[in-house]
N, C-alpha and C. Protein backbone atom coordinates (compact mmCIF):
# COMPACT_ATOMS: atom_id res chain seq x y z
N MET A 1 -23.50 32.24 -38.61
CA MET A 1 -23.71 31.80 -37.24
C MET A 1 -23.60 33.00 -36.33
N SER A 2 -24.50 33.07 -35.36
CA SER A 2 -24.46 34.19 -34.43
C SER A 2 -23.40 33.94 -33.36
N ILE A 3 -22.92 35.03 -32.80
CA ILE A 3 -21.91 34.92 -31.74
C ILE A 3 -22.51 34.24 -30.52
N ILE A 4 -23.76 34.56 -30.21
CA ILE A 4 -24.41 33.96 -29.04
C ILE A 4 -24.53 32.45 -29.21
N ARG A 5 -24.94 32.00 -30.40
CA ARG A 5 -25.10 30.56 -30.63
C ARG A 5 -23.74 29.85 -30.51
N GLY A 6 -22.71 30.41 -31.10
CA GLY A 6 -21.38 29.80 -31.04
C GLY A 6 -20.81 29.79 -29.64
N LEU A 7 -20.96 30.91 -28.93
CA LEU A 7 -20.47 30.99 -27.56
C LEU A 7 -21.24 30.04 -26.65
N GLY A 8 -22.55 30.02 -26.79
CA GLY A 8 -23.38 29.12 -25.97
C GLY A 8 -23.03 27.66 -26.21
N ARG A 9 -22.83 27.31 -27.49
CA ARG A 9 -22.50 25.92 -27.81
C ARG A 9 -21.14 25.55 -27.22
N THR A 10 -20.18 26.49 -27.28
CA THR A 10 -18.85 26.23 -26.74
C THR A 10 -18.89 26.10 -25.21
N LEU A 11 -19.65 26.98 -24.57
CA LEU A 11 -19.77 26.89 -23.11
C LEU A 11 -20.46 25.59 -22.70
N PHE A 12 -21.49 25.21 -23.42
CA PHE A 12 -22.19 23.96 -23.15
C PHE A 12 -21.24 22.77 -23.34
N ALA A 13 -20.46 22.81 -24.40
CA ALA A 13 -19.53 21.71 -24.71
C ALA A 13 -18.44 21.59 -23.66
N SER A 14 -18.09 22.69 -22.99
CA SER A 14 -16.99 22.65 -22.03
C SER A 14 -17.25 21.64 -20.91
N TYR A 15 -18.50 21.49 -20.49
CA TYR A 15 -18.82 20.51 -19.45
C TYR A 15 -18.43 19.11 -19.92
N PHE A 16 -18.77 18.78 -21.15
CA PHE A 16 -18.52 17.43 -21.66
C PHE A 16 -17.04 17.22 -21.94
N ILE A 17 -16.34 18.26 -22.33
CA ILE A 17 -14.90 18.14 -22.57
C ILE A 17 -14.19 17.84 -21.25
N VAL A 18 -14.51 18.60 -20.21
CA VAL A 18 -13.86 18.40 -18.91
C VAL A 18 -14.28 17.06 -18.30
N ASN A 19 -15.58 16.79 -18.27
CA ASN A 19 -16.07 15.54 -17.68
C ASN A 19 -15.56 14.32 -18.47
N GLY A 20 -15.55 14.43 -19.79
CA GLY A 20 -15.07 13.33 -20.62
C GLY A 20 -13.59 13.07 -20.42
N THR A 21 -12.81 14.15 -20.31
CA THR A 21 -11.37 13.99 -20.07
C THR A 21 -11.13 13.32 -18.73
N ASN A 22 -11.83 13.77 -17.69
CA ASN A 22 -11.68 13.16 -16.37
C ASN A 22 -12.07 11.69 -16.39
N SER A 23 -13.17 11.37 -17.05
CA SER A 23 -13.62 9.98 -17.11
C SER A 23 -12.65 9.10 -17.88
N ALA A 24 -12.11 9.62 -18.96
CA ALA A 24 -11.21 8.83 -19.79
C ALA A 24 -9.85 8.62 -19.12
N LEU A 25 -9.35 9.65 -18.44
CA LEU A 25 -8.01 9.56 -17.85
C LEU A 25 -8.00 9.01 -16.43
N LYS A 26 -9.07 9.28 -15.68
CA LYS A 26 -9.14 8.83 -14.28
C LYS A 26 -10.48 8.13 -14.03
N PRO A 27 -10.70 6.98 -14.64
CA PRO A 27 -12.00 6.32 -14.52
C PRO A 27 -12.29 5.76 -13.13
N GLU A 28 -11.24 5.56 -12.33
CA GLU A 28 -11.43 4.94 -11.01
C GLU A 28 -12.44 5.71 -10.15
N SER A 29 -12.43 7.04 -10.26
CA SER A 29 -13.32 7.84 -9.42
C SER A 29 -14.79 7.76 -9.86
N PHE A 30 -15.05 7.20 -11.03
CA PHE A 30 -16.41 7.11 -11.54
C PHE A 30 -16.96 5.68 -11.52
N VAL A 31 -16.09 4.71 -11.32
CA VAL A 31 -16.49 3.29 -11.42
C VAL A 31 -17.55 2.93 -10.40
N ALA A 32 -17.43 3.40 -9.17
CA ALA A 32 -18.39 3.03 -8.12
C ALA A 32 -19.80 3.50 -8.48
N ASP A 33 -19.92 4.71 -9.04
CA ASP A 33 -21.24 5.22 -9.43
C ASP A 33 -21.76 4.51 -10.68
N ALA A 34 -20.85 4.09 -11.54
CA ALA A 34 -21.25 3.47 -12.81
C ALA A 34 -21.57 1.99 -12.66
N GLU A 35 -21.07 1.35 -11.63
CA GLU A 35 -21.23 -0.10 -11.47
C GLU A 35 -22.70 -0.54 -11.46
N PRO A 36 -23.60 0.08 -10.68
CA PRO A 36 -24.99 -0.39 -10.69
C PRO A 36 -25.67 -0.22 -12.06
N VAL A 37 -25.34 0.85 -12.74
CA VAL A 37 -25.93 1.09 -14.07
C VAL A 37 -25.38 0.08 -15.06
N ALA A 38 -24.09 -0.18 -15.00
CA ALA A 38 -23.48 -1.15 -15.90
C ALA A 38 -24.06 -2.55 -15.66
N ASP A 39 -24.30 -2.86 -14.39
CA ASP A 39 -24.88 -4.18 -14.07
C ASP A 39 -26.27 -4.35 -14.68
N ARG A 40 -27.02 -3.25 -14.80
CA ARG A 40 -28.37 -3.32 -15.39
C ARG A 40 -28.35 -3.22 -16.90
N LEU A 41 -27.45 -2.38 -17.44
CA LEU A 41 -27.46 -2.13 -18.89
C LEU A 41 -26.73 -3.20 -19.70
N LEU A 42 -25.67 -3.76 -19.16
CA LEU A 42 -24.91 -4.75 -19.93
C LEU A 42 -25.75 -5.96 -20.36
N PRO A 43 -26.53 -6.57 -19.47
CA PRO A 43 -27.36 -7.69 -19.93
C PRO A 43 -28.36 -7.26 -21.01
N LEU A 44 -28.91 -6.06 -20.86
CA LEU A 44 -29.85 -5.54 -21.87
C LEU A 44 -29.15 -5.36 -23.22
N LEU A 45 -27.94 -4.81 -23.19
CA LEU A 45 -27.19 -4.63 -24.43
C LEU A 45 -26.87 -5.98 -25.09
N HIS A 46 -26.45 -6.94 -24.28
CA HIS A 46 -26.11 -8.26 -24.82
C HIS A 46 -27.32 -8.95 -25.44
N ARG A 47 -28.50 -8.74 -24.86
CA ARG A 47 -29.71 -9.36 -25.42
C ARG A 47 -30.17 -8.65 -26.68
N SER A 48 -30.02 -7.34 -26.75
CA SER A 48 -30.62 -6.58 -27.86
C SER A 48 -29.68 -6.40 -29.04
N LEU A 49 -28.38 -6.48 -28.83
CA LEU A 49 -27.44 -6.30 -29.94
C LEU A 49 -27.20 -7.62 -30.67
N PRO A 50 -26.86 -7.53 -31.95
CA PRO A 50 -26.45 -8.76 -32.66
C PRO A 50 -25.21 -9.36 -32.00
N ALA A 51 -25.03 -10.64 -32.18
CA ALA A 51 -23.94 -11.36 -31.50
C ALA A 51 -22.57 -10.77 -31.83
N ALA A 52 -22.38 -10.34 -33.07
CA ALA A 52 -21.09 -9.79 -33.46
C ALA A 52 -20.78 -8.50 -32.69
N LEU A 53 -21.78 -7.67 -32.49
CA LEU A 53 -21.58 -6.43 -31.74
C LEU A 53 -21.55 -6.70 -30.24
N SER A 54 -22.38 -7.59 -29.79
CA SER A 54 -22.46 -7.90 -28.36
C SER A 54 -21.12 -8.41 -27.83
N ALA A 55 -20.41 -9.15 -28.65
CA ALA A 55 -19.12 -9.69 -28.23
C ALA A 55 -18.08 -8.58 -28.04
N LYS A 56 -18.29 -7.43 -28.68
CA LYS A 56 -17.33 -6.33 -28.60
C LYS A 56 -17.62 -5.36 -27.45
N VAL A 57 -18.75 -5.53 -26.78
CA VAL A 57 -19.08 -4.65 -25.65
C VAL A 57 -18.24 -5.10 -24.45
N PRO A 58 -17.44 -4.19 -23.90
CA PRO A 58 -16.60 -4.59 -22.76
C PRO A 58 -17.43 -4.89 -21.52
N GLU A 59 -16.98 -5.86 -20.75
CA GLU A 59 -17.65 -6.26 -19.51
C GLU A 59 -17.14 -5.46 -18.32
N ASP A 60 -15.95 -4.91 -18.44
CA ASP A 60 -15.30 -4.18 -17.36
C ASP A 60 -15.88 -2.77 -17.24
N THR A 61 -16.37 -2.41 -16.07
CA THR A 61 -16.99 -1.10 -15.86
C THR A 61 -15.97 0.02 -16.08
N LYS A 62 -14.74 -0.21 -15.69
CA LYS A 62 -13.69 0.80 -15.87
C LYS A 62 -13.52 1.13 -17.36
N THR A 63 -13.54 0.13 -18.19
CA THR A 63 -13.42 0.34 -19.63
C THR A 63 -14.65 1.07 -20.17
N LEU A 64 -15.82 0.71 -19.68
CA LEU A 64 -17.04 1.41 -20.10
C LEU A 64 -16.99 2.89 -19.72
N VAL A 65 -16.49 3.18 -18.52
CA VAL A 65 -16.37 4.57 -18.09
C VAL A 65 -15.39 5.30 -19.00
N ARG A 66 -14.29 4.67 -19.34
CA ARG A 66 -13.31 5.29 -20.25
C ARG A 66 -13.92 5.55 -21.62
N LEU A 67 -14.65 4.58 -22.15
CA LEU A 67 -15.28 4.75 -23.47
C LEU A 67 -16.31 5.88 -23.45
N THR A 68 -17.10 5.91 -22.40
CA THR A 68 -18.09 6.99 -22.27
C THR A 68 -17.40 8.34 -22.18
N GLY A 69 -16.32 8.39 -21.41
CA GLY A 69 -15.56 9.64 -21.29
C GLY A 69 -14.96 10.07 -22.61
N ALA A 70 -14.42 9.11 -23.35
CA ALA A 70 -13.85 9.44 -24.66
C ALA A 70 -14.94 9.94 -25.62
N ALA A 71 -16.11 9.32 -25.55
CA ALA A 71 -17.23 9.76 -26.40
C ALA A 71 -17.67 11.16 -26.01
N GLN A 72 -17.73 11.45 -24.70
CA GLN A 72 -18.11 12.80 -24.27
C GLN A 72 -17.06 13.81 -24.68
N LEU A 73 -15.80 13.47 -24.56
CA LEU A 73 -14.73 14.36 -24.98
C LEU A 73 -14.83 14.65 -26.48
N GLY A 74 -14.97 13.60 -27.27
CA GLY A 74 -15.09 13.78 -28.73
C GLY A 74 -16.32 14.58 -29.11
N GLY A 75 -17.45 14.26 -28.48
CA GLY A 75 -18.68 15.01 -28.77
C GLY A 75 -18.57 16.46 -28.35
N GLY A 76 -17.95 16.70 -27.19
CA GLY A 76 -17.77 18.07 -26.72
C GLY A 76 -16.87 18.88 -27.63
N VAL A 77 -15.79 18.28 -28.09
CA VAL A 77 -14.89 18.97 -29.02
C VAL A 77 -15.60 19.25 -30.34
N ALA A 78 -16.39 18.29 -30.81
CA ALA A 78 -17.14 18.49 -32.06
C ALA A 78 -18.11 19.66 -31.92
N MET A 79 -18.79 19.73 -30.78
CA MET A 79 -19.72 20.85 -30.57
C MET A 79 -18.98 22.17 -30.45
N ALA A 80 -17.90 22.18 -29.68
CA ALA A 80 -17.17 23.43 -29.43
C ALA A 80 -16.55 23.99 -30.70
N THR A 81 -16.04 23.12 -31.56
CA THR A 81 -15.39 23.59 -32.78
C THR A 81 -16.39 23.87 -33.89
N GLY A 82 -17.57 23.29 -33.79
CA GLY A 82 -18.58 23.46 -34.84
C GLY A 82 -18.45 22.44 -35.95
N LEU A 83 -17.43 21.61 -35.88
CA LEU A 83 -17.25 20.55 -36.88
C LEU A 83 -18.07 19.35 -36.42
N LEU A 84 -19.05 18.95 -37.19
CA LEU A 84 -19.95 17.86 -36.83
C LEU A 84 -20.65 18.15 -35.51
N ARG A 85 -21.08 19.40 -35.33
CA ARG A 85 -21.68 19.83 -34.07
C ARG A 85 -22.92 19.06 -33.71
N ARG A 86 -23.75 18.73 -34.69
CA ARG A 86 -24.98 17.99 -34.40
C ARG A 86 -24.67 16.54 -34.03
N VAL A 87 -23.71 15.95 -34.70
CA VAL A 87 -23.29 14.58 -34.36
C VAL A 87 -22.68 14.56 -32.96
N GLY A 88 -21.86 15.57 -32.66
CA GLY A 88 -21.26 15.68 -31.33
C GLY A 88 -22.32 15.82 -30.25
N ALA A 89 -23.33 16.64 -30.52
CA ALA A 89 -24.40 16.82 -29.54
C ALA A 89 -25.20 15.53 -29.35
N ALA A 90 -25.45 14.82 -30.43
CA ALA A 90 -26.17 13.54 -30.31
C ALA A 90 -25.33 12.53 -29.52
N THR A 91 -24.02 12.56 -29.74
CA THR A 91 -23.13 11.65 -29.01
C THR A 91 -23.17 11.93 -27.52
N VAL A 92 -23.06 13.21 -27.13
CA VAL A 92 -23.10 13.50 -25.69
C VAL A 92 -24.48 13.23 -25.11
N ALA A 93 -25.51 13.37 -25.91
CA ALA A 93 -26.86 13.04 -25.42
C ALA A 93 -26.95 11.55 -25.09
N VAL A 94 -26.42 10.72 -25.95
CA VAL A 94 -26.44 9.27 -25.70
C VAL A 94 -25.62 8.93 -24.46
N THR A 95 -24.48 9.61 -24.29
CA THR A 95 -23.64 9.31 -23.12
C THR A 95 -24.26 9.81 -21.83
N MET A 96 -25.22 10.73 -21.91
CA MET A 96 -25.86 11.23 -20.70
C MET A 96 -26.91 10.27 -20.15
N VAL A 97 -27.40 9.36 -20.95
CA VAL A 97 -28.44 8.43 -20.49
C VAL A 97 -27.95 7.61 -19.29
N PRO A 98 -26.76 7.00 -19.33
CA PRO A 98 -26.30 6.28 -18.13
C PRO A 98 -26.11 7.21 -16.93
N HIS A 99 -25.70 8.45 -17.18
CA HIS A 99 -25.53 9.40 -16.08
C HIS A 99 -26.88 9.69 -15.41
N VAL A 100 -27.90 9.85 -16.22
CA VAL A 100 -29.24 10.08 -15.67
C VAL A 100 -29.68 8.87 -14.85
N LEU A 101 -29.49 7.68 -15.41
CA LEU A 101 -29.89 6.47 -14.69
C LEU A 101 -29.11 6.30 -13.38
N ALA A 102 -27.82 6.63 -13.42
CA ALA A 102 -27.00 6.48 -12.22
C ALA A 102 -27.35 7.50 -11.15
N SER A 103 -27.92 8.62 -11.54
CA SER A 103 -28.18 9.67 -10.56
C SER A 103 -29.59 9.64 -9.96
N VAL A 104 -30.37 8.63 -10.29
CA VAL A 104 -31.69 8.50 -9.68
C VAL A 104 -31.47 8.24 -8.19
N PRO A 105 -32.08 9.09 -7.33
CA PRO A 105 -31.81 8.97 -5.89
C PRO A 105 -32.34 7.66 -5.30
N ASP A 106 -31.56 7.11 -4.40
CA ASP A 106 -31.96 5.91 -3.67
C ASP A 106 -32.93 6.33 -2.56
N ARG A 107 -34.01 5.61 -2.42
CA ARG A 107 -35.04 5.98 -1.43
C ARG A 107 -34.59 5.75 0.00
N THR A 108 -33.54 5.00 0.16
CA THR A 108 -33.07 4.71 1.52
C THR A 108 -32.14 5.79 2.06
N LEU A 109 -31.79 6.76 1.24
CA LEU A 109 -30.90 7.84 1.67
C LEU A 109 -31.60 8.77 2.65
N ALA A 110 -30.80 9.45 3.43
CA ALA A 110 -31.34 10.47 4.33
C ALA A 110 -31.93 11.60 3.51
N LYS A 111 -32.81 12.38 4.13
CA LYS A 111 -33.53 13.44 3.41
C LYS A 111 -32.56 14.44 2.76
N ALA A 112 -31.53 14.84 3.47
CA ALA A 112 -30.56 15.81 2.92
C ALA A 112 -29.80 15.20 1.74
N ASP A 113 -29.42 13.94 1.87
CA ASP A 113 -28.70 13.26 0.78
C ASP A 113 -29.61 13.06 -0.44
N ARG A 114 -30.88 12.77 -0.19
CA ARG A 114 -31.83 12.62 -1.30
C ARG A 114 -32.01 13.93 -2.04
N ALA A 115 -32.07 15.04 -1.31
CA ALA A 115 -32.21 16.35 -1.94
C ALA A 115 -30.99 16.66 -2.81
N LYS A 116 -29.82 16.33 -2.31
CA LYS A 116 -28.58 16.53 -3.09
C LYS A 116 -28.60 15.64 -4.34
N ALA A 117 -29.03 14.40 -4.17
CA ALA A 117 -29.10 13.47 -5.30
C ALA A 117 -30.12 13.94 -6.33
N ARG A 118 -31.23 14.53 -5.88
CA ARG A 118 -32.23 15.07 -6.82
C ARG A 118 -31.65 16.21 -7.64
N ARG A 119 -30.84 17.06 -7.00
CA ARG A 119 -30.20 18.16 -7.74
C ARG A 119 -29.28 17.61 -8.83
N VAL A 120 -28.54 16.57 -8.50
CA VAL A 120 -27.65 15.93 -9.49
C VAL A 120 -28.49 15.33 -10.62
N LEU A 121 -29.58 14.67 -10.26
CA LEU A 121 -30.47 14.10 -11.27
C LEU A 121 -31.03 15.18 -12.18
N LEU A 122 -31.50 16.27 -11.60
CA LEU A 122 -32.06 17.36 -12.41
C LEU A 122 -31.00 17.98 -13.31
N ARG A 123 -29.78 18.11 -12.82
CA ARG A 123 -28.69 18.63 -13.65
C ARG A 123 -28.46 17.70 -14.85
N ASN A 124 -28.41 16.41 -14.57
CA ASN A 124 -28.16 15.44 -15.64
C ASN A 124 -29.31 15.41 -16.65
N VAL A 125 -30.53 15.51 -16.16
CA VAL A 125 -31.69 15.54 -17.07
C VAL A 125 -31.64 16.81 -17.92
N ALA A 126 -31.27 17.94 -17.30
CA ALA A 126 -31.17 19.20 -18.05
C ALA A 126 -30.08 19.12 -19.12
N LEU A 127 -28.94 18.53 -18.76
CA LEU A 127 -27.86 18.37 -19.74
C LEU A 127 -28.29 17.45 -20.89
N LEU A 128 -29.01 16.38 -20.54
CA LEU A 128 -29.51 15.48 -21.58
C LEU A 128 -30.47 16.23 -22.51
N GLY A 129 -31.40 16.98 -21.94
CA GLY A 129 -32.35 17.73 -22.76
C GLY A 129 -31.66 18.77 -23.63
N ALA A 130 -30.70 19.47 -23.07
CA ALA A 130 -29.98 20.48 -23.85
C ALA A 130 -29.18 19.83 -24.99
N ALA A 131 -28.58 18.69 -24.70
CA ALA A 131 -27.83 17.99 -25.75
C ALA A 131 -28.76 17.51 -26.86
N MET A 132 -29.96 17.06 -26.47
CA MET A 132 -30.94 16.63 -27.48
C MET A 132 -31.35 17.82 -28.35
N MET A 133 -31.58 18.97 -27.74
CA MET A 133 -31.93 20.16 -28.53
C MET A 133 -30.78 20.58 -29.42
N ALA A 134 -29.57 20.54 -28.89
CA ALA A 134 -28.40 20.93 -29.70
C ALA A 134 -28.20 19.99 -30.87
N SER A 135 -28.58 18.73 -30.71
CA SER A 135 -28.42 17.78 -31.82
C SER A 135 -29.38 18.08 -32.97
N ARG A 136 -30.43 18.83 -32.69
CA ARG A 136 -31.41 19.19 -33.72
C ARG A 136 -31.21 20.61 -34.24
N ASP A 137 -30.28 21.37 -33.66
CA ASP A 137 -30.08 22.77 -34.03
C ASP A 137 -29.44 22.86 -35.41
N THR A 138 -30.10 23.57 -36.29
CA THR A 138 -29.59 23.74 -37.66
C THR A 138 -28.96 25.10 -37.87
N ALA A 139 -28.66 25.80 -36.78
CA ALA A 139 -28.02 27.12 -36.81
C ALA A 139 -28.84 28.12 -37.62
N GLY A 140 -30.15 28.02 -37.51
CA GLY A 140 -31.03 28.97 -38.19
C GLY A 140 -31.31 28.64 -39.64
N ARG A 141 -30.67 27.62 -40.15
CA ARG A 141 -30.92 27.22 -41.54
C ARG A 141 -31.82 26.00 -41.55
N PRO A 142 -32.63 25.88 -42.60
CA PRO A 142 -33.49 24.69 -42.67
C PRO A 142 -32.66 23.41 -42.73
N SER A 143 -33.22 22.35 -42.21
CA SER A 143 -32.53 21.07 -42.23
C SER A 143 -32.49 20.52 -43.65
N LEU A 144 -31.66 19.52 -43.87
CA LEU A 144 -31.57 18.89 -45.19
C LEU A 144 -32.90 18.26 -45.58
N GLY A 145 -33.57 17.66 -44.61
CA GLY A 145 -34.87 17.04 -44.89
C GLY A 145 -35.89 18.07 -45.35
N TRP A 146 -35.93 19.23 -44.67
CA TRP A 146 -36.87 20.28 -45.05
C TRP A 146 -36.52 20.81 -46.44
N ARG A 147 -35.23 21.04 -46.69
CA ARG A 147 -34.83 21.56 -48.00
C ARG A 147 -35.16 20.58 -49.12
N ALA A 148 -34.97 19.29 -48.87
CA ALA A 148 -35.29 18.28 -49.89
C ALA A 148 -36.78 18.26 -50.17
N GLU A 149 -37.60 18.29 -49.12
CA GLU A 149 -39.06 18.29 -49.30
C GLU A 149 -39.52 19.56 -50.00
N HIS A 150 -38.95 20.70 -49.63
CA HIS A 150 -39.31 21.98 -50.26
C HIS A 150 -38.95 21.95 -51.75
N ARG A 151 -37.79 21.43 -52.08
CA ARG A 151 -37.35 21.34 -53.49
C ARG A 151 -38.26 20.38 -54.25
N ARG A 152 -38.66 19.27 -53.63
CA ARG A 152 -39.56 18.32 -54.28
C ARG A 152 -40.89 19.00 -54.62
N GLN A 153 -41.40 19.79 -53.69
CA GLN A 153 -42.65 20.51 -53.92
C GLN A 153 -42.50 21.52 -55.06
N GLU A 154 -41.36 22.21 -55.12
CA GLU A 154 -41.11 23.16 -56.21
C GLU A 154 -41.09 22.45 -57.56
N ILE A 155 -40.41 21.31 -57.61
CA ILE A 155 -40.31 20.55 -58.86
C ILE A 155 -41.69 20.04 -59.27
N ALA A 156 -42.46 19.56 -58.31
CA ALA A 156 -43.82 19.07 -58.61
C ALA A 156 -44.68 20.21 -59.14
N GLY A 157 -44.55 21.40 -58.56
CA GLY A 157 -45.29 22.57 -59.05
C GLY A 157 -44.88 22.94 -60.46
N ASP A 158 -43.58 22.93 -60.72
CA ASP A 158 -43.08 23.22 -62.07
C ASP A 158 -43.59 22.18 -63.07
N ALA A 159 -43.61 20.91 -62.66
CA ALA A 159 -44.09 19.85 -63.55
C ALA A 159 -45.57 20.05 -63.87
N ARG A 160 -46.37 20.47 -62.88
CA ARG A 160 -47.80 20.73 -63.13
C ARG A 160 -47.98 21.89 -64.11
N GLU A 161 -47.15 22.94 -63.97
CA GLU A 161 -47.23 24.07 -64.90
C GLU A 161 -46.90 23.64 -66.33
N VAL A 162 -45.84 22.86 -66.48
CA VAL A 162 -45.44 22.38 -67.81
C VAL A 162 -46.54 21.50 -68.38
N GLN A 163 -47.11 20.64 -67.56
CA GLN A 163 -48.19 19.77 -68.02
C GLN A 163 -49.41 20.59 -68.46
N ALA A 164 -49.73 21.61 -67.69
CA ALA A 164 -50.89 22.45 -68.04
C ALA A 164 -50.63 23.18 -69.36
N LYS A 165 -49.45 23.75 -69.53
CA LYS A 165 -49.12 24.46 -70.77
C LYS A 165 -49.13 23.51 -71.96
N THR A 166 -48.56 22.32 -71.75
CA THR A 166 -48.51 21.33 -72.83
C THR A 166 -49.91 20.88 -73.20
N SER A 167 -50.76 20.65 -72.21
CA SER A 167 -52.14 20.24 -72.48
C SER A 167 -52.89 21.33 -73.24
N LYS A 168 -52.67 22.58 -72.86
CA LYS A 168 -53.33 23.70 -73.53
C LYS A 168 -52.88 23.77 -74.99
N LYS A 169 -51.58 23.63 -75.23
CA LYS A 169 -51.06 23.65 -76.60
C LYS A 169 -51.60 22.48 -77.40
N ALA A 170 -51.67 21.31 -76.76
CA ALA A 170 -52.18 20.12 -77.45
C ALA A 170 -53.64 20.30 -77.83
N ARG A 171 -54.44 20.88 -76.93
CA ARG A 171 -55.86 21.13 -77.24
C ARG A 171 -55.99 22.12 -78.40
N LYS A 172 -55.17 23.17 -78.40
CA LYS A 172 -55.21 24.15 -79.50
C LYS A 172 -54.82 23.49 -80.82
N ALA A 173 -53.77 22.66 -80.76
CA ALA A 173 -53.31 21.99 -81.98
C ALA A 173 -54.38 21.02 -82.48
N ALA A 174 -55.03 20.30 -81.56
CA ALA A 174 -56.08 19.35 -81.94
C ALA A 174 -57.26 20.11 -82.52
N ALA A 175 -57.63 21.24 -81.94
CA ALA A 175 -58.75 22.05 -82.46
C ALA A 175 -58.42 22.56 -83.85
N LYS A 176 -57.17 23.00 -84.03
CA LYS A 176 -56.73 23.52 -85.33
C LYS A 176 -56.75 22.40 -86.36
N ALA A 177 -56.30 21.20 -85.97
CA ALA A 177 -56.29 20.07 -86.90
C ALA A 177 -57.72 19.66 -87.26
N ARG A 178 -58.62 19.66 -86.30
CA ARG A 178 -60.02 19.34 -86.58
C ARG A 178 -60.63 20.35 -87.54
N LYS A 179 -60.28 21.60 -87.32
CA LYS A 179 -60.80 22.65 -88.17
C LYS A 179 -60.33 22.47 -89.60
N GLN A 180 -59.02 22.13 -89.77
CA GLN A 180 -58.47 21.94 -91.11
C GLN A 180 -59.04 20.71 -91.79
N ILE A 181 -59.27 19.66 -91.02
CA ILE A 181 -59.81 18.42 -91.60
C ILE A 181 -61.28 18.63 -91.95
N GLY A 182 -62.01 19.27 -91.07
CA GLY A 182 -63.43 19.48 -91.28
C GLY A 182 -63.70 20.59 -92.30
N ALA A 183 -62.76 21.40 -92.57
CA ALA A 183 -63.02 22.54 -93.45
C ALA A 183 -62.95 22.20 -94.88
């Protein structure tokens, strides 16, 4: 792993560690912003999830903020330490979706407030995009899927070589047997 990649991942994760800690320990300051998003997402979750899972989704926005914060904290720590870094990045990417939705500027705001809200939206979109890229980062090594496909192709090539050699030997043996029988 390069120093730049490790340092960049740790610096990126620091935002989620701090934000996640604040959300988990002091959710009251985030509830007002999260309420409209929770009001829209909770019915969607209840309709799309199986009944067993839907029953476990908390209705309280404060609890949702705490859970999101805990997920961001865990994902940030995973990225920063390098242990399950891709899973951690995917986790923080998922937790950024409500943040992006909550930061869409209201059209009724004053022009200066809308500009500020757009900056927050762009920051959240950028964090979401970066987290999505980090979730796919293989640290310069091929992914497991690529390695499996590459190995499959190698094995198929080896099998074709063995088949060709065996066919050639079989043809020689058959020719030799015909020669002995016909002779």
